[in-house]
Amino acid sequence: MGVWCGVLSAEGVKTIAELMGLAVCERSEKVPEGKQTHVLCLSGVYRGGHEVLVQARFASLASGSAGSVGSAGTGHAGAGATGVNMHIEVRATDESTAAIFVASVS
């Protein structure tokens, strides 16, 4: 996604929340400037009335880092990688609904 520009930003976190169509919990959309990691908490109701909770953990990759936060949809970065990795955990009242949210960022 272009909004990341290789650094963790409030704009990027907000974009993820909007793409998932869920409400931000605990004011977790606020990312302090210069922060290397962040946790975004989301909740909402999906089609059919299925309640959904999402916890997305973000980690900036500095140049020369070895490895990443393991996650759905991000894989692992090698040495010299830059960008932001995301690890997502989803809970829902319906298993297929949780799978849809994980697949949406894979």
Protein backbone atom coordinates (compact mmCIF):
# COMPACT_ATOMS: atom_id res chain seq x y z
CA MET A 1 0.00 0.00 0.00
CA GLY A 2 1.32 3.39 -0.92
CA VAL A 3 0.22 5.04 2.33
CA TRP A 4 2.97 3.28 4.26
CA CYS A 5 5.98 4.81 2.48
CA GLY A 6 8.20 2.47 4.51
CA VAL A 7 7.24 3.97 7.88
CA LEU A 8 4.52 3.29 10.39
CA SER A 9 1.98 6.13 10.19
CA ALA A 10 -1.43 7.10 11.52
CA GLU A 11 -2.60 7.44 7.91
CA GLY A 12 -1.66 3.83 7.13
CA VAL A 13 -3.34 2.51 10.29
CA LYS A 14 -6.49 4.51 9.49
CA THR A 15 -6.52 3.07 5.96
CA ILE A 16 -6.47 -0.50 7.30
CA ALA A 17 -9.42 0.28 9.60
CA GLU A 18 -11.38 1.81 6.71
CA LEU A 19 -10.63 -1.09 4.36
CA MET A 20 -11.90 -3.58 6.93
CA GLY A 21 -15.01 -1.48 7.59
CA LEU A 22 -14.69 -1.81 11.36
CA ALA A 23 -14.68 0.71 14.20
CA VAL A 24 -11.45 1.59 15.99
CA CYS A 25 -11.34 0.63 19.68
CA GLU A 26 -9.43 2.21 22.56
CA ARG A 27 -8.22 5.14 20.42
CA SER A 28 -5.76 2.74 18.82
CA GLU A 29 -5.78 4.67 15.53
CA LYS A 30 -3.39 7.20 17.07
CA VAL A 31 0.24 6.39 16.24
CA PRO A 32 2.85 8.55 17.99
CA GLU A 33 5.39 9.96 15.54
CA GLY A 34 8.59 7.94 15.31
CA LYS A 35 7.08 4.82 16.84
CA GLN A 36 8.41 1.52 15.41
CA THR A 37 5.54 -0.74 16.56
CA HIS A 38 1.81 -0.28 17.05
CA VAL A 39 -1.33 -2.28 17.88
CA LEU A 40 -4.65 -1.44 16.19
CA CYS A 41 -7.85 -2.80 17.75
CA LEU A 42 -11.04 -2.96 15.67
CA SER A 43 -14.57 -4.24 16.23
CA GLY A 44 -17.83 -4.41 14.36
CA VAL A 45 -20.61 -6.53 12.97
CA TYR A 46 -20.22 -8.33 9.63
CA ARG A 47 -22.94 -9.56 7.27
CA GLY A 48 -25.40 -11.86 8.96
CA GLY A 49 -24.88 -10.19 12.33
CA HIS A 50 -21.53 -11.86 13.08
CA GLU A 51 -19.50 -9.91 15.63
CA VAL A 52 -15.84 -9.39 14.71
CA LEU A 53 -12.81 -8.33 16.75
CA VAL A 54 -9.47 -7.64 15.06
CA GLN A 55 -6.07 -6.97 16.58
CA ALA A 56 -3.48 -5.87 14.03
CA ARG A 57 0.13 -5.47 15.14
CA PHE A 58 2.42 -3.36 12.99
CA ALA A 59 6.21 -3.26 12.97
CA SER A 60 8.44 -0.98 10.91
CA LEU A 61 11.35 -2.67 9.21
CA ALA A 62 14.48 -0.58 9.32
CA SER A 63 17.09 -0.99 6.64
CA GLY A 64 19.31 -3.92 7.50
CA SER A 65 16.81 -5.68 9.76
CA ALA A 66 16.75 -9.44 9.70
CA GLY A 67 13.27 -10.89 9.88
CA SER A 68 9.86 -9.55 10.71
CA VAL A 69 6.73 -9.94 12.73
CA GLY A 70 5.13 -13.09 11.30
CA SER A 71 1.69 -12.44 9.94
CA ALA A 72 -1.13 -13.27 7.64
CA GLY A 73 -0.43 -11.72 4.29
CA THR A 74 3.03 -10.27 4.88
CA GLY A 75 5.50 -13.14 4.81
CA HIS A 76 9.02 -12.60 6.08
CA ALA A 77 11.43 -9.91 5.01
CA GLY A 78 15.11 -10.50 4.52
CA ALA A 79 18.13 -8.37 5.33
CA GLY A 80 17.97 -4.84 3.98
CA ALA A 81 14.17 -4.78 3.90
CA THR A 82 12.18 -1.64 4.56
CA GLY A 83 8.46 -1.18 5.06
CA VAL A 84 5.83 -2.19 7.57
CA ASN A 85 4.77 -5.72 8.45
CA MET A 86 1.39 -6.58 9.92
CA HIS A 87 0.33 -9.53 12.07
CA ILE A 88 -3.44 -9.89 12.30
CA GLU A 89 -5.58 -11.85 14.75
CA VAL A 90 -9.32 -12.12 14.16
CA ARG A 91 -12.08 -13.40 16.39
CA ALA A 92 -15.63 -13.74 15.14
CA THR A 93 -18.85 -15.48 16.10
CA ASP A 94 -18.56 -17.39 12.81
CA GLU A 95 -15.36 -19.16 11.72
CA SER A 96 -15.83 -18.36 8.02
CA THR A 97 -16.21 -14.67 8.86
CA ALA A 98 -12.84 -14.70 10.63
CA ALA A 99 -11.29 -16.42 7.61
CA ILE A 100 -12.66 -13.70 5.30
CA PHE A 101 -11.00 -10.95 7.33
CA VAL A 102 -7.66 -12.76 7.43
CA ALA A 103 -7.84 -13.42 3.68
CA SER A 104 -8.59 -9.74 3.02
CA VAL A 105 -5.02 -8.83 3.95
CA SER A 106 -3.27 -11.95 2.62
